[in-house]
Amino acid sequence: MGVRVDAWTWSVRLFPSRTKAAAACRGGHVKVNGEAVQPSKNVVPGDRVQVTGALGRIRILEVVETVSKRVGAPVAATCYIDHSPPPPPKEVLASQPRRDRGAGRPTKRERRETDRLLGRG
């Protein structure tokens, strides 16, 4: 029996609320078997669900059991098989430039410099 993809991703604790799970589906951040889907798409055991999360982290999960109600973390872990690539090492994340919180928007000079570094201008 199938379950809506937004309900399943919420129930196995990939999203904090079903509303956010549905918004991620509509935004194209959730794919089932390599295809972007709407929140109403049903998932069945054997489907592969790909979720693109914060900072571009990709989680690839194979559905083992369909649950429509939110379950505890130990039970949720038994509902899927995780095929996600390992996260990048902390050294790589630390080497990426970051803007200080509260620094405001970048100035025109900083935007030009960023564009130049990224090869856009």
PDB file of N, CA and C in Angstrom:
ATOM      1  N   MET A   1       0.837  -1.184   0.000  1.00  0.00           N
ATOM      2  CA  MET A   1       0.000   0.000   0.000  1.00  0.00           C
ATOM      3  C   MET A   1       0.881   1.246   0.000  1.00  0.00           C
ATOM      4  N   GLY A   2       0.529   2.223  -0.810  1.00  0.00           N
ATOM      5  CA  GLY A   2       1.326   3.431  -0.930  1.00  0.00           C
ATOM      6  C   GLY A   2       0.922   4.508   0.069  1.00  0.00           C
ATOM      7  N   VAL A   3       1.870   5.406   0.316  1.00  0.00           N
ATOM      8  CA  VAL A   3       1.662   6.551   1.208  1.00  0.00           C
ATOM      9  C   VAL A   3       2.166   7.785   0.476  1.00  0.00           C
ATOM     10  N   ARG A   4       1.514   8.916   0.694  1.00  0.00           N
ATOM     11  CA  ARG A   4       1.958  10.168   0.075  1.00  0.00           C
ATOM     12  C   ARG A   4       3.409  10.448   0.450  1.00  0.00           C
ATOM     13  N   VAL A   5       4.162  10.969  -0.510  1.00  0.00           N
ATOM     14  CA  VAL A   5       5.584  11.204  -0.269  1.00  0.00           C
ATOM     15  C   VAL A   5       5.799  12.277   0.801  1.00  0.00           C
ATOM     16  N   ASP A   6       4.948  13.296   0.861  1.00  0.00           N
ATOM     17  CA  ASP A   6       5.131  14.313   1.894  1.00  0.00           C
ATOM     18  C   ASP A   6       4.857  13.730   3.281  1.00  0.00           C
ATOM     19  N   ALA A   7       3.858  12.853   3.392  1.00  0.00           N
ATOM     20  CA  ALA A   7       3.559  12.216   4.677  1.00  0.00           C
ATOM     21  C   ALA A   7       4.677  11.261   5.085  1.00  0.00           C
ATOM     22  N   TRP A   8       5.229  10.523   4.119  1.00  0.00           N
ATOM     23  CA  TRP A   8       6.286   9.567   4.448  1.00  0.00           C
ATOM     24  C   TRP A   8       7.558  10.277   4.878  1.00  0.00           C
ATOM     25  N   THR A   9       7.971  11.317   4.141  1.00  0.00           N
ATOM     26  CA  THR A   9       9.202  12.025   4.516  1.00  0.00           C
ATOM     27  C   THR A   9       9.063  12.699   5.874  1.00  0.00           C
ATOM     28  N   TRP A  10       7.865  13.165   6.195  1.00  0.00           N
ATOM     29  CA  TRP A  10       7.637  13.752   7.519  1.00  0.00           C
ATOM     30  C   TRP A  10       7.639  12.670   8.595  1.00  0.00           C
ATOM     31  N   SER A  11       6.995  11.538   8.317  1.00  0.00           N
ATOM     32  CA  SER A  11       6.855  10.504   9.342  1.00  0.00           C
ATOM     33  C   SER A  11       8.184   9.822   9.674  1.00  0.00           C
ATOM     34  N   VAL A  12       9.135   9.785   8.725  1.00  0.00           N
ATOM     35  CA  VAL A  12      10.449   9.188   9.028  1.00  0.00           C
ATOM     36  C   VAL A  12      11.466  10.258   9.425  1.00  0.00           C
ATOM     37  N   ARG A  13      10.963  11.437   9.776  1.00  0.00           N
ATOM     38  CA  ARG A  13      11.746  12.509  10.389  1.00  0.00           C
ATOM     39  C   ARG A  13      12.781  13.161   9.476  1.00  0.00           C
ATOM     40  N   LEU A  14      12.466  13.263   8.186  1.00  0.00           N
ATOM     41  CA  LEU A  14      13.327  14.012   7.285  1.00  0.00           C
ATOM     42  C   LEU A  14      12.989  15.496   7.320  1.00  0.00           C
ATOM     43  N   PHE A  15      11.744  15.822   7.681  1.00  0.00           N
ATOM     44  CA  PHE A  15      11.280  17.198   7.794  1.00  0.00           C
ATOM     45  C   PHE A  15      10.578  17.385   9.133  1.00  0.00           C
ATOM     46  N   PRO A  16      10.659  18.594   9.725  1.00  0.00           N
ATOM     47  CA  PRO A  16      10.030  18.821  11.029  1.00  0.00           C
ATOM     48  C   PRO A  16       8.508  18.925  10.976  1.00  0.00           C
ATOM     49  N   SER A  17       7.940  19.217   9.817  1.00  0.00           N
ATOM     50  CA  SER A  17       6.490  19.297   9.709  1.00  0.00           C
ATOM     51  C   SER A  17       6.068  18.820   8.318  1.00  0.00           C
ATOM     52  N   ARG A  18       4.810  18.413   8.218  1.00  0.00           N
ATOM     53  CA  ARG A  18       4.316  17.952   6.927  1.00  0.00           C
ATOM     54  C   ARG A  18       4.201  19.118   5.949  1.00  0.00           C
ATOM     55  N   THR A  19       3.939  20.307   6.466  1.00  0.00           N
ATOM     56  CA  THR A  19       3.870  21.490   5.618  1.00  0.00           C
ATOM     57  C   THR A  19       5.220  21.748   4.947  1.00  0.00           C
ATOM     58  N   LYS A  20       6.300  21.619   5.710  1.00  0.00           N
ATOM     59  CA  LYS A  20       7.639  21.826   5.123  1.00  0.00           C
ATOM     60  C   LYS A  20       7.993  20.711   4.149  1.00  0.00           C
ATOM     61  N   ALA A  21       7.530  19.503   4.422  1.00  0.00           N
ATOM     62  CA  ALA A  21       7.766  18.395   3.495  1.00  0.00           C
ATOM     63  C   ALA A  21       7.049  18.642   2.172  1.00  0.00           C
ATOM     64  N   ALA A  22       5.810  19.133   2.243  1.00  0.00           N
ATOM     65  CA  ALA A  22       5.048  19.427   1.029  1.00  0.00           C
ATOM     66  C   ALA A  22       5.679  20.582   0.263  1.00  0.00           C
ATOM     67  N   ALA A  23       6.170  21.599   0.985  1.00  0.00           N
ATOM     68  CA  ALA A  23       6.824  22.734   0.326  1.00  0.00           C
ATOM     69  C   ALA A  23       8.100  22.288  -0.377  1.00  0.00           C
ATOM     70  N   ALA A  24       8.848  21.374   0.229  1.00  0.00           N
ATOM     71  CA  ALA A  24      10.061  20.858  -0.397  1.00  0.00           C
ATOM     72  C   ALA A  24       9.716  20.076  -1.672  1.00  0.00           C
ATOM     73  N   CYS A  25       8.625  19.341  -1.643  1.00  0.00           N
ATOM     74  CA  CYS A  25       8.185  18.604  -2.836  1.00  0.00           C
ATOM     75  C   CYS A  25       7.828  19.576  -3.957  1.00  0.00           C
ATOM     76  N   ARG A  26       7.040  20.595  -3.621  1.00  0.00           N
ATOM     77  CA  ARG A  26       6.644  21.572  -4.635  1.00  0.00           C
ATOM     78  C   ARG A  26       7.843  22.353  -5.158  1.00  0.00           C
ATOM     79  N   GLY A  27       8.877  22.532  -4.340  1.00  0.00           N
ATOM     80  CA  GLY A  27      10.068  23.261  -4.760  1.00  0.00           C
ATOM     81  C   GLY A  27      11.052  22.420  -5.546  1.00  0.00           C
ATOM     82  N   GLY A  28      10.768  21.139  -5.739  1.00  0.00           N
ATOM     83  CA  GLY A  28      11.648  20.281  -6.523  1.00  0.00           C
ATOM     84  C   GLY A  28      12.800  19.696  -5.729  1.00  0.00           C
ATOM     85  N   HIS A  29      12.736  19.733  -4.395  1.00  0.00           N
ATOM     86  CA  HIS A  29      13.815  19.211  -3.558  1.00  0.00           C
ATOM     87  C   HIS A  29      13.630  17.738  -3.210  1.00  0.00           C
ATOM     88  N   VAL A  30      12.501  17.164  -3.600  1.00  0.00           N
ATOM     89  CA  VAL A  30      12.228  15.748  -3.337  1.00  0.00           C
ATOM     90  C   VAL A  30      11.989  15.055  -4.672  1.00  0.00           C
ATOM     91  N   LYS A  31      12.721  13.951  -4.895  1.00  0.00           N
ATOM     92  CA  LYS A  31      12.563  13.174  -6.124  1.00  0.00           C
ATOM     93  C   LYS A  31      12.289  11.730  -5.754  1.00  0.00           C
ATOM     94  N   VAL A  32      11.439  11.091  -6.520  1.00  0.00           N
ATOM     95  CA  VAL A  32      11.148   9.672  -6.344  1.00  0.00           C
ATOM     96  C   VAL A  32      11.581   8.965  -7.620  1.00  0.00           C
ATOM     97  N   ASN A  33      12.489   8.029  -7.479  1.00  0.00           N
ATOM     98  CA  ASN A  33      13.052   7.289  -8.614  1.00  0.00           C
ATOM     99  C   ASN A  33      13.609   8.240  -9.673  1.00  0.00           C
ATOM    100  N   GLY A  34      14.274   9.319  -9.212  1.00  0.00           N
ATOM    101  CA  GLY A  34      14.936  10.258 -10.110  1.00  0.00           C
ATOM    102  C   GLY A  34      14.038  11.293 -10.748  1.00  0.00           C
ATOM    103  N   GLU A  35      12.789  11.364 -10.350  1.00  0.00           N
ATOM    104  CA  GLU A  35      11.830  12.284 -10.959  1.00  0.00           C
ATOM    105  C   GLU A  35      11.244  13.204  -9.892  1.00  0.00           C
ATOM    106  N   ALA A  36      11.293  14.516 -10.122  1.00  0.00           N
ATOM    107  CA  ALA A  36      10.697  15.473  -9.184  1.00  0.00           C
ATOM    108  C   ALA A  36       9.196  15.212  -9.097  1.00  0.00           C
ATOM    109  N   VAL A  37       8.671  15.225  -7.886  1.00  0.00           N
ATOM    110  CA  VAL A  37       7.274  14.840  -7.687  1.00  0.00           C
ATOM    111  C   VAL A  37       6.516  15.895  -6.887  1.00  0.00           C
ATOM    112  N   GLN A  38       5.201  15.807  -6.992  1.00  0.00           N
ATOM    113  CA  GLN A  38       4.309  16.625  -6.184  1.00  0.00           C
ATOM    114  C   GLN A  38       4.090  15.917  -4.844  1.00  0.00           C
ATOM    115  N   PRO A  39       3.594  16.645  -3.823  1.00  0.00           N
ATOM    116  CA  PRO A  39       3.396  16.022  -2.507  1.00  0.00           C
ATOM    117  C   PRO A  39       2.431  14.842  -2.518  1.00  0.00           C
ATOM    118  N   SER A  40       1.537  14.770  -3.484  1.00  0.00           N
ATOM    119  CA  SER A  40       0.530  13.711  -3.500  1.00  0.00           C
ATOM    120  C   SER A  40       1.028  12.398  -4.107  1.00  0.00           C
ATOM    121  N   LYS A  41       2.235  12.361  -4.620  1.00  0.00           N
ATOM    122  CA  LYS A  41       2.784  11.138  -5.227  1.00  0.00           C
ATOM    123  C   LYS A  41       2.896  10.046  -4.167  1.00  0.00           C
ATOM    124  N   ASN A  42       2.430   8.851  -4.471  1.00  0.00           N
ATOM    125  CA  ASN A  42       2.517   7.730  -3.542  1.00  0.00           C
ATOM    126  C   ASN A  42       3.871   7.047  -3.663  1.00  0.00           C
ATOM    127  N   VAL A  43       4.416   6.635  -2.526  1.00  0.00           N
ATOM    128  CA  VAL A  43       5.641   5.840  -2.503  1.00  0.00           C
ATOM    129  C   VAL A  43       5.291   4.461  -1.968  1.00  0.00           C
ATOM    130  N   VAL A  44       5.972   3.464  -2.498  1.00  0.00           N
ATOM    131  CA  VAL A  44       5.772   2.081  -2.084  1.00  0.00           C
ATOM    132  C   VAL A  44       7.140   1.487  -1.770  1.00  0.00           C
ATOM    133  N   PRO A  45       7.186   0.393  -1.020  1.00  0.00           N
ATOM    134  CA  PRO A  45       8.484  -0.226  -0.745  1.00  0.00           C
ATOM    135  C   PRO A  45       9.240  -0.527  -2.043  1.00  0.00           C
ATOM    136  N   GLY A  46      10.514  -0.186  -2.046  1.00  0.00           N
ATOM    137  CA  GLY A  46      11.359  -0.368  -3.228  1.00  0.00           C
ATOM    138  C   GLY A  46      11.652   0.922  -3.946  1.00  0.00           C
ATOM    139  N   ASP A  47      10.866   1.970  -3.720  1.00  0.00           N
ATOM    140  CA  ASP A  47      11.124   3.275  -4.344  1.00  0.00           C
ATOM    141  C   ASP A  47      12.356   3.918  -3.723  1.00  0.00           C
ATOM    142  N   ARG A  48      13.041   4.750  -4.520  1.00  0.00           N
ATOM    143  CA  ARG A  48      14.180   5.525  -4.010  1.00  0.00           C
ATOM    144  C   ARG A  48      13.768   6.980  -3.931  1.00  0.00           C
ATOM    145  N   VAL A  49      13.886   7.550  -2.742  1.00  0.00           N
ATOM    146  CA  VAL A  49      13.515   8.934  -2.490  1.00  0.00           C
ATOM    147  C   VAL A  49      14.803   9.731  -2.280  1.00  0.00           C
ATOM    148  N   GLN A  50      14.966  10.797  -3.051  1.00  0.00           N
ATOM    149  CA  GLN A  50      16.143  11.666  -2.939  1.00  0.00           C
ATOM    150  C   GLN A  50      15.678  13.012  -2.401  1.00  0.00           C
ATOM    151  N   VAL A  51      16.270  13.439  -1.286  1.00  0.00           N
ATOM    152  CA  VAL A  51      15.912  14.700  -0.651  1.00  0.00           C
ATOM    153  C   VAL A  51      17.149  15.586  -0.614  1.00  0.00           C
ATOM    154  N   THR A  52      17.025  16.789  -1.183  1.00  0.00           N
ATOM    155  CA  THR A  52      18.106  17.765  -1.127  1.00  0.00           C
ATOM    156  C   THR A  52      17.820  18.704   0.031  1.00  0.00           C
ATOM    157  N   GLY A  53      18.711  18.688   1.020  1.00  0.00           N
ATOM    158  CA  GLY A  53      18.492  19.457   2.233  1.00  0.00           C
ATOM    159  C   GLY A  53      19.335  20.711   2.287  1.00  0.00           C
ATOM    160  N   ALA A  54      19.521  21.188   3.494  1.00  0.00           N
ATOM    161  CA  ALA A  54      20.287  22.410   3.722  1.00  0.00           C
ATOM    162  C   ALA A  54      21.729  22.233   3.250  1.00  0.00           C
ATOM    163  N   LEU A  55      22.297  23.302   2.747  1.00  0.00           N
ATOM    164  CA  LEU A  55      23.673  23.343   2.248  1.00  0.00           C
ATOM    165  C   LEU A  55      23.917  22.349   1.122  1.00  0.00           C
ATOM    166  N   GLY A  56      22.850  21.945   0.417  1.00  0.00           N
ATOM    167  CA  GLY A  56      23.007  21.073  -0.736  1.00  0.00           C
ATOM    168  C   GLY A  56      23.260  19.620  -0.390  1.00  0.00           C
ATOM    169  N   ARG A  57      23.087  19.233   0.864  1.00  0.00           N
ATOM    170  CA  ARG A  57      23.297  17.837   1.259  1.00  0.00           C
ATOM    171  C   ARG A  57      22.214  16.978   0.642  1.00  0.00           C
ATOM    172  N   ILE A  58      22.622  15.898   0.018  1.00  0.00           N
ATOM    173  CA  ILE A  58      21.684  15.000  -0.665  1.00  0.00           C
ATOM    174  C   ILE A  58      21.560  13.717   0.140  1.00  0.00           C
ATOM    175  N   ARG A  59      20.311  13.329   0.412  1.00  0.00           N
ATOM    176  CA  ARG A  59      20.044  12.057   1.075  1.00  0.00           C
ATOM    177  C   ARG A  59      19.272  11.183   0.100  1.00  0.00           C
ATOM    178  N   ILE A  60      19.759   9.972  -0.101  1.00  0.00           N
ATOM    179  CA  ILE A  60      19.111   9.012  -0.990  1.00  0.00           C
ATOM    180  C   ILE A  60      18.651   7.840  -0.125  1.00  0.00           C
ATOM    181  N   LEU A  61      17.341   7.634  -0.081  1.00  0.00           N
ATOM    182  CA  LEU A  61      16.762   6.620   0.797  1.00  0.00           C
ATOM    183  C   LEU A  61      15.924   5.647  -0.011  1.00  0.00           C
ATOM    184  N   GLU A  62      16.057   4.378   0.302  1.00  0.00           N
ATOM    185  CA  GLU A  62      15.215   3.354  -0.313  1.00  0.00           C
ATOM    186  C   GLU A  62      14.109   3.007   0.673  1.00  0.00           C
ATOM    187  N   VAL A  63      12.866   3.086   0.221  1.00  0.00           N
ATOM    188  CA  VAL A  63      11.719   2.830   1.089  1.00  0.00           C
ATOM    189  C   VAL A  63      11.631   1.336   1.382  1.00  0.00           C
ATOM    190  N   VAL A  64      11.623   0.991   2.675  1.00  0.00           N
ATOM    191  CA  VAL A  64      11.466  -0.399   3.094  1.00  0.00           C
ATOM    192  C   VAL A  64      10.060  -0.619   3.624  1.00  0.00           C
ATOM    193  N   GLU A  65       9.568   0.357   4.387  1.00  0.00           N
ATOM    194  CA  GLU A  65       8.237   0.257   4.982  1.00  0.00           C
ATOM    195  C   GLU A  65       7.543   1.604   4.853  1.00  0.00           C
ATOM    196  N   THR A  66       6.270   1.579   4.532  1.00  0.00           N
ATOM    197  CA  THR A  66       5.518   2.823   4.428  1.00  0.00           C
ATOM    198  C   THR A  66       4.787   3.075   5.737  1.00  0.00           C
ATOM    199  N   VAL A  67       5.005   4.245   6.301  1.00  0.00           N
ATOM    200  CA  VAL A  67       4.304   4.666   7.513  1.00  0.00           C
ATOM    201  C   VAL A  67       3.712   6.032   7.230  1.00  0.00           C
ATOM    202  N   SER A  68       2.499   6.265   7.712  1.00  0.00           N
ATOM    203  CA  SER A  68       1.844   7.545   7.454  1.00  0.00           C
ATOM    204  C   SER A  68       1.752   8.409   8.695  1.00  0.00           C
ATOM    205  N   LYS A  69       2.050   7.827   9.868  1.00  0.00           N
ATOM    206  CA  LYS A  69       2.052   8.599  11.102  1.00  0.00           C
ATOM    207  C   LYS A  69       3.476   8.729  11.597  1.00  0.00           C
ATOM    208  N   ARG A  70       3.783   9.849  12.229  1.00  0.00           N
ATOM    209  CA  ARG A  70       5.139  10.118  12.702  1.00  0.00           C
ATOM    210  C   ARG A  70       5.531   9.083  13.749  1.00  0.00           C
ATOM    211  N   VAL A  71       6.737   8.559  13.595  1.00  0.00           N
ATOM    212  CA  VAL A  71       7.235   7.524  14.505  1.00  0.00           C
ATOM    213  C   VAL A  71       8.524   8.005  15.150  1.00  0.00           C
ATOM    214  N   GLY A  72       8.942   7.321  16.181  1.00  0.00           N
ATOM    215  CA  GLY A  72      10.174   7.663  16.865  1.00  0.00           C
ATOM    216  C   GLY A  72      11.386   7.409  15.985  1.00  0.00           C
ATOM    217  N   ALA A  73      12.504   8.029  16.350  1.00  0.00           N
ATOM    218  CA  ALA A  73      13.713   7.929  15.540  1.00  0.00           C
ATOM    219  C   ALA A  73      14.198   6.492  15.361  1.00  0.00           C
ATOM    220  N   PRO A  74      14.202   5.641  16.409  1.00  0.00           N
ATOM    221  CA  PRO A  74      14.652   4.259  16.187  1.00  0.00           C
ATOM    222  C   PRO A  74      13.754   3.495  15.205  1.00  0.00           C
ATOM    223  N   VAL A  75      12.454   3.732  15.263  1.00  0.00           N
ATOM    224  CA  VAL A  75      11.522   3.061  14.347  1.00  0.00           C
ATOM    225  C   VAL A  75      11.673   3.639  12.939  1.00  0.00           C
ATOM    226  N   ALA A  76      11.859   4.955  12.859  1.00  0.00           N
ATOM    227  CA  ALA A  76      12.007   5.602  11.551  1.00  0.00           C
ATOM    228  C   ALA A  76      13.218   5.060  10.802  1.00  0.00           C
ATOM    229  N   ALA A  77      14.293   4.768  11.524  1.00  0.00           N
ATOM    230  CA  ALA A  77      15.511   4.260  10.879  1.00  0.00           C
ATOM    231  C   ALA A  77      15.296   2.891  10.247  1.00  0.00           C
ATOM    232  N   THR A  78      14.295   2.150  10.699  1.00  0.00           N
ATOM    233  CA  THR A  78      14.031   0.831  10.121  1.00  0.00           C
ATOM    234  C   THR A  78      13.129   0.913   8.898  1.00  0.00           C
ATOM    235  N   CYS A  79      12.592   2.093   8.591  1.00  0.00           N
ATOM    236  CA  CYS A  79      11.654   2.252   7.475  1.00  0.00           C
ATOM    237  C   CYS A  79      12.355   2.537   6.155  1.00  0.00           C
ATOM    238  N   TYR A  80      13.667   2.727   6.175  1.00  0.00           N
ATOM    239  CA  TYR A  80      14.400   3.016   4.946  1.00  0.00           C
ATOM    240  C   TYR A  80      15.820   2.495   5.035  1.00  0.00           C
ATOM    241  N   ILE A  81      16.436   2.359   3.858  1.00  0.00           N
ATOM    242  CA  ILE A  81      17.855   2.023   3.749  1.00  0.00           C
ATOM    243  C   ILE A  81      18.533   3.258   3.197  1.00  0.00           C
ATOM    244  N   ASP A  82      19.539   3.740   3.891  1.00  0.00           N
ATOM    245  CA  ASP A  82      20.219   4.980   3.513  1.00  0.00           C
ATOM    246  C   ASP A  82      21.343   4.688   2.520  1.00  0.00           C
ATOM    247  N   HIS A  83      21.229   5.237   1.306  1.00  0.00           N
ATOM    248  CA  HIS A  83      22.256   5.101   0.268  1.00  0.00           C
ATOM    249  C   HIS A  83      22.958   6.444   0.022  1.00  0.00           C
ATOM    250  N   SER A  84      22.890   7.345   0.993  1.00  0.00           N
ATOM    251  CA  SER A  84      23.427   8.697   0.827  1.00  0.00           C
ATOM    252  C   SER A  84      24.953   8.677   0.761  1.00  0.00           C
ATOM    253  N   PRO A  85      25.529   9.585  -0.036  1.00  0.00           N
ATOM    254  CA  PRO A  85      26.984   9.711  -0.029  1.00  0.00           C
ATOM    255  C   PRO A  85      27.421  10.310   1.306  1.00  0.00           C
ATOM    256  N   PRO A  86      28.643  10.014   1.740  1.00  0.00           N
ATOM    257  CA  PRO A  86      29.095  10.568   3.020  1.00  0.00           C
ATOM    258  C   PRO A  86      29.214  12.092   2.937  1.00  0.00           C
ATOM    259  N   PRO A  87      29.002  12.783   4.059  1.00  0.00           N
ATOM    260  CA  PRO A  87      29.134  14.241   4.035  1.00  0.00           C
ATOM    261  C   PRO A  87      30.583  14.637   3.800  1.00  0.00           C
ATOM    262  N   PRO A  88      30.809  15.843   3.268  1.00  0.00           N
ATOM    263  CA  PRO A  88      32.190  16.270   3.030  1.00  0.00           C
ATOM    264  C   PRO A  88      32.927  16.434   4.362  1.00  0.00           C
ATOM    265  N   PRO A  89      34.251  16.248   4.360  1.00  0.00           N
ATOM    266  CA  PRO A  89      35.008  16.396   5.605  1.00  0.00           C
ATOM    267  C   PRO A  89      34.918  17.824   6.152  1.00  0.00           C
ATOM    268  N   LYS A  90      35.113  17.958   7.454  1.00  0.00           N
ATOM    269  CA  LYS A  90      35.005  19.267   8.095  1.00  0.00           C
ATOM    270  C   LYS A  90      36.049  20.253   7.569  1.00  0.00           C
ATOM    271  N   GLU A  91      37.194  19.745   7.130  1.00  0.00           N
ATOM    272  CA  GLU A  91      38.235  20.630   6.592  1.00  0.00           C
ATOM    273  C   GLU A  91      37.744  21.347   5.342  1.00  0.00           C
ATOM    274  N   VAL A  92      36.988  20.636   4.510  1.00  0.00           N
ATOM    275  CA  VAL A  92      36.479  21.235   3.277  1.00  0.00           C
ATOM    276  C   VAL A  92      35.444  22.307   3.614  1.00  0.00           C
ATOM    277  N   LEU A  93      34.560  22.000   4.562  1.00  0.00           N
ATOM    278  CA  LEU A  93      33.547  22.974   4.954  1.00  0.00           C
ATOM    279  C   LEU A  93      34.185  24.203   5.596  1.00  0.00           C
ATOM    280  N   ALA A  94      35.235  24.002   6.375  1.00  0.00           N
ATOM    281  CA  ALA A  94      35.890  25.124   7.047  1.00  0.00           C
ATOM    282  C   ALA A  94      36.642  26.009   6.060  1.00  0.00           C
ATOM    283  N   SER A  95      37.091  25.433   4.936  1.00  0.00           N
ATOM    284  CA  SER A  95      37.864  26.220   3.975  1.00  0.00           C
ATOM    285  C   SER A  95      36.983  27.098   3.084  1.00  0.00           C
ATOM    286  N   GLN A  96      35.668  26.830   3.061  1.00  0.00           N
ATOM    287  CA  GLN A  96      34.775  27.629   2.236  1.00  0.00           C
ATOM    288  C   GLN A  96      34.534  28.983   2.910  1.00  0.00           C
ATOM    289  N   PRO A  97      34.599  30.057   2.131  1.00  0.00           N
ATOM    290  CA  PRO A  97      34.390  31.374   2.737  1.00  0.00           C
ATOM    291  C   PRO A  97      32.952  31.544   3.210  1.00  0.00           C
ATOM    292  N   ARG A  98      32.812  32.187   4.344  1.00  0.00           N
ATOM    293  CA  ARG A  98      31.491  32.451   4.898  1.00  0.00           C
ATOM    294  C   ARG A  98      31.422  33.897   5.326  1.00  0.00           C
ATOM    295  N   ARG A  99      30.235  34.424   5.236  1.00  0.00           N
ATOM    296  CA  ARG A  99      29.994  35.783   5.676  1.00  0.00           C
ATOM    297  C   ARG A  99      29.564  35.763   7.132  1.00  0.00           C
ATOM    298  N   ASP A 100      30.083  36.683   7.930  1.00  0.00           N
ATOM    299  CA  ASP A 100      29.721  36.740   9.335  1.00  0.00           C
ATOM    300  C   ASP A 100      28.240  37.044   9.478  1.00  0.00           C
ATOM    301  N   ARG A 101      27.633  36.428  10.481  1.00  0.00           N
ATOM    302  CA  ARG A 101      26.220  36.691  10.741  1.00  0.00           C
ATOM    303  C   ARG A 101      26.068  38.151  11.142  1.00  0.00           C
ATOM    304  N   GLY A 102      25.015  38.766  10.613  1.00  0.00           N
ATOM    305  CA  GLY A 102      24.744  40.153  10.950  1.00  0.00           C
ATOM    306  C   GLY A 102      25.574  41.149  10.170  1.00  0.00           C
ATOM    307  N   ALA A 103      26.353  40.691   9.197  1.00  0.00           N
ATOM    308  CA  ALA A 103      27.198  41.591   8.417  1.00  0.00           C
ATOM    309  C   ALA A 103      26.402  42.335   7.353  1.00  0.00           C
ATOM    310  N   GLY A 104      25.152  41.976   7.159  1.00  0.00           N
ATOM    311  CA  GLY A 104      24.324  42.659   6.171  1.00  0.00           C
ATOM    312  C   GLY A 104      24.594  42.159   4.770  1.00  0.00           C
ATOM    313  N   ARG A 105      24.023  42.870   3.817  1.00  0.00           N
ATOM    314  CA  ARG A 105      24.197  42.497   2.415  1.00  0.00           C
ATOM    315  C   ARG A 105      25.600  42.853   1.958  1.00  0.00           C
ATOM    316  N   PRO A 106      26.112  42.126   0.973  1.00  0.00           N
ATOM    317  CA  PRO A 106      27.431  42.467   0.449  1.00  0.00           C
ATOM    318  C   PRO A 106      27.388  43.804  -0.295  1.00  0.00           C
ATOM    319  N   THR A 107      28.493  44.514  -0.228  1.00  0.00           N
ATOM    320  CA  THR A 107      28.585  45.779  -0.946  1.00  0.00           C
ATOM    321  C   THR A 107      28.754  45.495  -2.434  1.00  0.00           C
ATOM    322  N   LYS A 108      28.644  46.537  -3.238  1.00  0.00           N
ATOM    323  CA  LYS A 108      28.793  46.373  -4.678  1.00  0.00           C
ATOM    324  C   LYS A 108      30.195  45.860  -5.003  1.00  0.00           C
ATOM    325  N   ARG A 109      31.182  46.357  -4.291  1.00  0.00           N
ATOM    326  CA  ARG A 109      32.560  45.925  -4.501  1.00  0.00           C
ATOM    327  C   ARG A 109      32.703  44.433  -4.182  1.00  0.00           C
ATOM    328  N   GLU A 110      32.094  43.987  -3.077  1.00  0.00           N
ATOM    329  CA  GLU A 110      32.172  42.583  -2.708  1.00  0.00           C
ATOM    330  C   GLU A 110      31.435  41.701  -3.713  1.00  0.00           C
ATOM    331  N   ARG A 111      30.310  42.167  -4.236  1.00  0.00           N
ATOM    332  CA  ARG A 111      29.594  41.392  -5.254  1.00  0.00           C
ATOM    333  C   ARG A 111      30.420  41.253  -6.522  1.00  0.00           C
ATOM    334  N   ARG A 112      31.058  42.341  -6.936  1.00  0.00           N
ATOM    335  CA  ARG A 112      31.914  42.267  -8.135  1.00  0.00           C
ATOM    336  C   ARG A 112      33.064  41.289  -7.922  1.00  0.00           C
ATOM    337  N   GLU A 113      33.647  41.319  -6.738  1.00  0.00           N
ATOM    338  CA  GLU A 113      34.747  40.407  -6.438  1.00  0.00           C
ATOM    339  C   GLU A 113      34.276  38.955  -6.448  1.00  0.00           C
ATOM    340  N   THR A 114      33.106  38.709  -5.888  1.00  0.00           N
ATOM    341  CA  THR A 114      32.535  37.362  -5.890  1.00  0.00           C
ATOM    342  C   THR A 114      32.264  36.892  -7.315  1.00  0.00           C
ATOM    343  N   ASP A 115      31.679  37.770  -8.128  1.00  0.00           N
ATOM    344  CA  ASP A 115      31.411  37.428  -9.526  1.00  0.00           C
ATOM    345  C   ASP A 115      32.704  37.116 -10.273  1.00  0.00           C
ATOM    346  N   ARG A 116      33.729  37.902 -10.013  1.00  0.00           N
ATOM    347  CA  ARG A 116      35.019  37.683 -10.677  1.00  0.00           C
ATOM    348  C   ARG A 116      35.600  36.326 -10.279  1.00  0.00           C
ATOM    349  N   LEU A 117      35.513  35.986  -8.986  1.00  0.00           N
ATOM    350  CA  LEU A 117      36.052  34.707  -8.514  1.00  0.00           C
ATOM    351  C   LEU A 117      35.283  33.519  -9.081  1.00  0.00           C
ATOM    352  N   LEU A 118      33.987  33.679  -9.267  1.00  0.00           N
ATOM    353  CA  LEU A 118      33.155  32.598  -9.786  1.00  0.00           C
ATOM    354  C   LEU A 118      33.119  32.564 -11.308  1.00  0.00           C
ATOM    355  N   GLY A 119      33.807  33.510 -11.959  1.00  0.00           N
ATOM    356  CA  GLY A 119      33.878  33.532 -13.404  1.00  0.00           C
ATOM    357  C   GLY A 119      32.634  34.028 -14.077  1.00  0.00           C
ATOM    358  N   ARG A 120      31.830  34.831 -13.389  1.00  0.00           N
ATOM    359  CA  ARG A 120      30.595  35.335 -13.969  1.00  0.00           C
ATOM    360  C   ARG A 120      30.752  36.722 -14.553  1.00  0.00           C
ATOM    361  N   GLY A 121      31.876  37.347 -14.398  1.00  0.00           N
ATOM    362  CA  GLY A 121      31.952  38.715 -14.899  1.00  0.00           C
ATOM    363  C   GLY A 121      33.293  39.051 -15.296  1.00  0.00           C
TER     364      GLY A 121
END
